[in-house]
Amino acid sequence: MIFKQILTVIVISVILAVGTNLVSPNRIDFIGKYRSLSSGDGPIVPPTAEKGDPPFIAIDVAEMEFSNYDAVFVDARDPAEFECGTIPGSINIPFEYMPEDNLPAYIDSALGGIAKDHQLIIFCSGEECDLSLHLGRNLQLMGYSRVAVFFGGSREWEKFGLDIERRVPCGE
């Protein structure tokens, strides 16, 4: 008797849950449409990499960190390139425009005062751009302990079909 009641409650709950999901504007697909998380190539490491540099991460690791909403993504390119297309939610700290004096205050302000042990993922446009490496080195020297460089950058991000945030229309 009690088994029948429990089974009835479970069946009714499942029917209500499925029905609610079908009409919800925030509906969850029953069969997910997910791409493989592995590019199979590992991280892109620049020829200028040196011992002691921040670790380099691959697209699959960058995407996982992005999906977890824990890491702060930092775009090292100039503001015009940043506005043209970046990883969604990224902060722009243009390496070539950083002030020479009072750099720690500038970085602290740009990062919103986050803790120095917070995960930072630095990137720029891709393999031809080493601004991310230079910014990563500087952040490490300033005491940020969890800095990683996504050297594939925004080009690799877009190549893998991931969203790009475009704030202004740009020509190709």
C-alpha atoms as a PDB file:
ATOM      1  CA  MET A   1       0.000   0.000   0.000  1.00  0.00           C
ATOM      2  CA  ILE A   2       2.691   2.546   0.996  1.00  0.00           C
ATOM      3  CA  PHE A   3       4.786   1.481  -2.003  1.00  0.00           C
ATOM      4  CA  LYS A   4       1.865   2.366  -4.302  1.00  0.00           C
ATOM      5  CA  GLN A   5       1.526   5.812  -2.697  1.00  0.00           C
ATOM      6  CA  ILE A   6       5.254   6.523  -3.051  1.00  0.00           C
ATOM      7  CA  LEU A   7       5.211   5.410  -6.674  1.00  0.00           C
ATOM      8  CA  THR A   8       2.148   7.584  -7.370  1.00  0.00           C
ATOM      9  CA  VAL A   9       3.836  10.650  -5.827  1.00  0.00           C
ATOM     10  CA  ILE A  10       6.993  10.036  -7.878  1.00  0.00           C
ATOM     11  CA  VAL A  11       5.058   9.621 -11.145  1.00  0.00           C
ATOM     12  CA  ILE A  12       2.995  12.776 -10.510  1.00  0.00           C
ATOM     13  CA  SER A  13       6.179  14.710  -9.611  1.00  0.00           C
ATOM     14  CA  VAL A  14       7.926  13.624 -12.802  1.00  0.00           C
ATOM     15  CA  ILE A  15       4.905  14.549 -14.939  1.00  0.00           C
ATOM     16  CA  LEU A  16       4.674  17.993 -13.299  1.00  0.00           C
ATOM     17  CA  ALA A  17       8.414  18.597 -13.670  1.00  0.00           C
ATOM     18  CA  VAL A  18       8.451  17.613 -17.358  1.00  0.00           C
ATOM     19  CA  GLY A  19       5.332  19.698 -18.049  1.00  0.00           C
ATOM     20  CA  THR A  20       6.765  22.733 -16.293  1.00  0.00           C
ATOM     21  CA  ASN A  21      10.045  22.399 -18.192  1.00  0.00           C
ATOM     22  CA  LEU A  22       8.221  22.191 -21.547  1.00  0.00           C
ATOM     23  CA  VAL A  23       6.450  25.536 -21.035  1.00  0.00           C
ATOM     24  CA  SER A  24       9.250  27.357 -19.206  1.00  0.00           C
ATOM     25  CA  PRO A  25      11.100  30.168 -21.036  1.00  0.00           C
ATOM     26  CA  ASN A  26      14.269  28.880 -19.324  1.00  0.00           C
ATOM     27  CA  ARG A  27      13.664  25.354 -20.514  1.00  0.00           C
ATOM     28  CA  ILE A  28      16.383  22.729 -20.225  1.00  0.00           C
ATOM     29  CA  ASP A  29      16.835  20.469 -23.243  1.00  0.00           C
ATOM     30  CA  PHE A  30      16.321  16.789 -22.499  1.00  0.00           C
ATOM     31  CA  ILE A  31      19.259  15.889 -24.720  1.00  0.00           C
ATOM     32  CA  GLY A  32      22.109  18.386 -24.391  1.00  0.00           C
ATOM     33  CA  LYS A  33      23.897  19.868 -27.360  1.00  0.00           C
ATOM     34  CA  TYR A  34      27.452  19.959 -26.105  1.00  0.00           C
ATOM     35  CA  ARG A  35      30.660  19.971 -28.046  1.00  0.00           C
ATOM     36  CA  SER A  36      33.633  17.927 -26.991  1.00  0.00           C
ATOM     37  CA  LEU A  37      35.695  19.735 -24.381  1.00  0.00           C
ATOM     38  CA  SER A  38      39.009  18.535 -25.741  1.00  0.00           C
ATOM     39  CA  SER A  39      40.768  20.075 -28.679  1.00  0.00           C
ATOM     40  CA  GLY A  40      43.353  17.319 -28.395  1.00  0.00           C
ATOM     41  CA  ASP A  41      46.232  19.707 -28.993  1.00  0.00           C
ATOM     42  CA  GLY A  42      46.978  20.911 -25.473  1.00  0.00           C
ATOM     43  CA  PRO A  43      47.902  24.491 -24.660  1.00  0.00           C
ATOM     44  CA  ILE A  44      49.579  26.770 -27.172  1.00  0.00           C
ATOM     45  CA  VAL A  45      52.950  27.801 -25.757  1.00  0.00           C
ATOM     46  CA  PRO A  46      54.809  30.702 -27.371  1.00  0.00           C
ATOM     47  CA  PRO A  47      58.437  30.350 -28.410  1.00  0.00           C
ATOM     48  CA  THR A  48      59.267  33.219 -26.013  1.00  0.00           C
ATOM     49  CA  ALA A  49      58.042  31.277 -22.964  1.00  0.00           C
ATOM     50  CA  GLU A  50      60.514  31.128 -20.098  1.00  0.00           C
ATOM     51  CA  LYS A  51      60.904  29.142 -16.921  1.00  0.00           C
ATOM     52  CA  GLY A  52      58.791  30.755 -14.191  1.00  0.00           C
ATOM     53  CA  ASP A  53      56.142  32.072 -16.591  1.00  0.00           C
ATOM     54  CA  PRO A  54      52.506  31.611 -15.622  1.00  0.00           C
ATOM     55  CA  PRO A  55      51.140  28.260 -16.842  1.00  0.00           C
ATOM     56  CA  PHE A  56      49.637  28.114 -20.324  1.00  0.00           C
ATOM     57  CA  ILE A  57      46.177  26.592 -20.643  1.00  0.00           C
ATOM     58  CA  ALA A  58      44.369  24.993 -23.576  1.00  0.00           C
ATOM     59  CA  ILE A  59      40.960  25.926 -24.961  1.00  0.00           C
ATOM     60  CA  ASP A  60      39.240  23.115 -23.044  1.00  0.00           C
ATOM     61  CA  VAL A  61      40.598  24.354 -19.713  1.00  0.00           C
ATOM     62  CA  ALA A  62      39.737  27.974 -20.558  1.00  0.00           C
ATOM     63  CA  GLU A  63      36.190  26.957 -21.474  1.00  0.00           C
ATOM     64  CA  MET A  64      35.809  24.917 -18.293  1.00  0.00           C
ATOM     65  CA  GLU A  65      36.995  27.848 -16.144  1.00  0.00           C
ATOM     66  CA  PHE A  66      34.613  30.147 -18.044  1.00  0.00           C
ATOM     67  CA  SER A  67      31.707  27.748 -17.495  1.00  0.00           C
ATOM     68  CA  ASN A  68      32.451  27.506 -13.774  1.00  0.00           C
ATOM     69  CA  TYR A  69      32.186  31.317 -13.402  1.00  0.00           C
ATOM     70  CA  ASP A  70      35.111  31.300 -10.984  1.00  0.00           C
ATOM     71  CA  ALA A  71      37.980  32.764 -13.003  1.00  0.00           C
ATOM     72  CA  VAL A  72      38.287  36.359 -14.123  1.00  0.00           C
ATOM     73  CA  PHE A  73      39.219  36.639 -17.797  1.00  0.00           C
ATOM     74  CA  VAL A  74      41.507  39.550 -18.639  1.00  0.00           C
ATOM     75  CA  ASP A  75      41.957  40.788 -22.217  1.00  0.00           C
ATOM     76  CA  ALA A  76      45.418  42.385 -22.651  1.00  0.00           C
ATOM     77  CA  ARG A  77      44.678  44.021 -26.040  1.00  0.00           C
ATOM     78  CA  ASP A  78      44.039  47.685 -26.697  1.00  0.00           C
ATOM     79  CA  PRO A  79      40.521  49.011 -26.007  1.00  0.00           C
ATOM     80  CA  ALA A  80      39.497  49.164 -29.693  1.00  0.00           C
ATOM     81  CA  GLU A  81      40.232  45.458 -30.201  1.00  0.00           C
ATOM     82  CA  PHE A  82      38.546  44.628 -26.892  1.00  0.00           C
ATOM     83  CA  GLU A  83      35.377  46.489 -27.910  1.00  0.00           C
ATOM     84  CA  CYS A  84      35.425  44.768 -31.311  1.00  0.00           C
ATOM     85  CA  GLY A  85      35.205  41.277 -29.815  1.00  0.00           C
ATOM     86  CA  THR A  86      36.236  39.578 -26.598  1.00  0.00           C
ATOM     87  CA  ILE A  87      35.410  36.623 -24.383  1.00  0.00           C
ATOM     88  CA  PRO A  88      32.121  37.573 -22.668  1.00  0.00           C
ATOM     89  CA  GLY A  89      32.519  39.245 -19.280  1.00  0.00           C
ATOM     90  CA  SER A  90      36.237  39.898 -19.706  1.00  0.00           C
ATOM     91  CA  ILE A  91      38.013  42.839 -18.140  1.00  0.00           C
ATOM     92  CA  ASN A  92      40.233  44.948 -20.385  1.00  0.00           C
ATOM     93  CA  ILE A  93      43.698  45.759 -19.065  1.00  0.00           C
ATOM     94  CA  PRO A  94      45.548  46.924 -22.169  1.00  0.00           C
ATOM     95  CA  PHE A  95      49.183  46.015 -21.543  1.00  0.00           C
ATOM     96  CA  GLU A  96      50.606  48.651 -23.885  1.00  0.00           C
ATOM     97  CA  TYR A  97      48.705  51.444 -22.117  1.00  0.00           C
ATOM     98  CA  MET A  98      49.471  50.587 -18.500  1.00  0.00           C
ATOM     99  CA  PRO A  99      50.812  53.525 -16.490  1.00  0.00           C
ATOM    100  CA  GLU A 100      54.424  53.442 -15.417  1.00  0.00           C
ATOM    101  CA  ASP A 101      53.765  55.008 -12.050  1.00  0.00           C
ATOM    102  CA  ASN A 102      51.399  53.584  -9.442  1.00  0.00           C
ATOM    103  CA  LEU A 103      50.880  50.380 -11.423  1.00  0.00           C
ATOM    104  CA  PRO A 104      49.633  48.334  -8.432  1.00  0.00           C
ATOM    105  CA  ALA A 105      46.803  50.801  -7.777  1.00  0.00           C
ATOM    106  CA  TYR A 106      45.875  50.788 -11.480  1.00  0.00           C
ATOM    107  CA  ILE A 107      45.767  46.954 -11.609  1.00  0.00           C
ATOM    108  CA  ASP A 108      43.872  46.737  -8.318  1.00  0.00           C
ATOM    109  CA  SER A 109      41.288  49.208  -9.622  1.00  0.00           C
ATOM    110  CA  ALA A 110      40.993  47.488 -13.022  1.00  0.00           C
ATOM    111  CA  LEU A 111      40.445  44.113 -11.347  1.00  0.00           C
ATOM    112  CA  GLY A 112      37.899  45.524  -8.922  1.00  0.00           C
ATOM    113  CA  GLY A 113      40.036  44.806  -5.879  1.00  0.00           C
ATOM    114  CA  ILE A 114      39.829  41.017  -6.165  1.00  0.00           C
ATOM    115  CA  ALA A 115      42.055  38.917  -3.930  1.00  0.00           C
ATOM    116  CA  LYS A 116      45.537  38.177  -5.217  1.00  0.00           C
ATOM    117  CA  ASP A 117      44.810  34.442  -4.995  1.00  0.00           C
ATOM    118  CA  HIS A 118      41.777  34.635  -7.307  1.00  0.00           C
ATOM    119  CA  GLN A 119      42.102  32.731 -10.617  1.00  0.00           C
ATOM    120  CA  LEU A 120      43.007  35.086 -13.499  1.00  0.00           C
ATOM    121  CA  ILE A 121      43.115  33.952 -17.117  1.00  0.00           C
ATOM    122  CA  ILE A 122      44.971  36.370 -19.359  1.00  0.00           C
ATOM    123  CA  PHE A 123      44.538  36.365 -23.132  1.00  0.00           C
ATOM    124  CA  CYS A 124      44.842  38.542 -26.221  1.00  0.00           C
ATOM    125  CA  SER A 125      44.032  37.866 -29.870  1.00  0.00           C
ATOM    126  CA  GLY A 126      45.997  34.668 -30.386  1.00  0.00           C
ATOM    127  CA  GLU A 127      49.343  33.186 -31.279  1.00  0.00           C
ATOM    128  CA  GLU A 128      50.724  36.312 -32.950  1.00  0.00           C
ATOM    129  CA  CYS A 129      50.051  38.375 -29.815  1.00  0.00           C
ATOM    130  CA  ASP A 130      52.281  38.135 -26.758  1.00  0.00           C
ATOM    131  CA  LEU A 131      50.595  40.870 -24.698  1.00  0.00           C
ATOM    132  CA  SER A 132      48.908  38.211 -22.563  1.00  0.00           C
ATOM    133  CA  LEU A 133      52.264  36.679 -21.661  1.00  0.00           C
ATOM    134  CA  HIS A 134      53.732  40.059 -20.687  1.00  0.00           C
ATOM    135  CA  LEU A 135      50.677  41.029 -18.631  1.00  0.00           C
ATOM    136  CA  GLY A 136      50.670  37.596 -16.963  1.00  0.00           C
ATOM    137  CA  ARG A 137      54.322  37.987 -16.014  1.00  0.00           C
ATOM    138  CA  ASN A 138      53.648  41.437 -14.537  1.00  0.00           C
ATOM    139  CA  LEU A 139      50.650  40.219 -12.544  1.00  0.00           C
ATOM    140  CA  GLN A 140      52.725  37.372 -11.182  1.00  0.00           C
ATOM    141  CA  LEU A 141      55.473  39.806 -10.144  1.00  0.00           C
ATOM    142  CA  MET A 142      52.828  41.900  -8.374  1.00  0.00           C
ATOM    143  CA  GLY A 143      51.863  38.913  -6.220  1.00  0.00           C
ATOM    144  CA  TYR A 144      48.871  37.469  -8.078  1.00  0.00           C
ATOM    145  CA  SER A 145      49.366  33.776  -7.408  1.00  0.00           C
ATOM    146  CA  ARG A 146      46.820  32.120  -9.712  1.00  0.00           C
ATOM    147  CA  VAL A 147      47.588  33.584 -13.122  1.00  0.00           C
ATOM    148  CA  ALA A 148      47.266  31.468 -16.270  1.00  0.00           C
ATOM    149  CA  VAL A 149      47.759  32.455 -19.904  1.00  0.00           C
ATOM    150  CA  PHE A 150      45.303  31.321 -22.575  1.00  0.00           C
ATOM    151  CA  PHE A 151      47.636  31.932 -25.502  1.00  0.00           C
ATOM    152  CA  GLY A 152      45.100  30.787 -28.101  1.00  0.00           C
ATOM    153  CA  GLY A 153      43.185  33.931 -27.195  1.00  0.00           C
ATOM    154  CA  SER A 154      39.996  35.300 -28.658  1.00  0.00           C
ATOM    155  CA  ARG A 155      40.714  33.839 -32.113  1.00  0.00           C
ATOM    156  CA  GLU A 156      40.897  30.262 -30.831  1.00  0.00           C
ATOM    157  CA  TRP A 157      37.851  30.911 -28.610  1.00  0.00           C
ATOM    158  CA  GLU A 158      35.830  32.015 -31.636  1.00  0.00           C
ATOM    159  CA  LYS A 159      37.274  29.255 -33.867  1.00  0.00           C
ATOM    160  CA  PHE A 160      35.805  26.675 -31.481  1.00  0.00           C
ATOM    161  CA  GLY A 161      32.358  28.256 -31.828  1.00  0.00           C
ATOM    162  CA  LEU A 162      32.277  29.889 -28.405  1.00  0.00           C
ATOM    163  CA  ASP A 163      30.475  33.178 -27.851  1.00  0.00           C
ATOM    164  CA  ILE A 164      32.248  36.464 -28.478  1.00  0.00           C
ATOM    165  CA  GLU A 165      30.984  39.701 -26.935  1.00  0.00           C
ATOM    166  CA  ARG A 166      31.005  42.508 -29.515  1.00  0.00           C
ATOM    167  CA  ARG A 167      30.369  45.992 -28.160  1.00  0.00           C
ATOM    168  CA  VAL A 168      30.844  47.869 -31.422  1.00  0.00           C
ATOM    169  CA  PRO A 169      30.471  46.789 -35.066  1.00  0.00           C
ATOM    170  CA  CYS A 170      33.864  46.036 -36.600  1.00  0.00           C
ATOM    171  CA  GLY A 171      35.164  45.369 -40.083  1.00  0.00           C
ATOM    172  CA  GLU A 172      37.032  42.157 -40.745  1.00  0.00           C
END
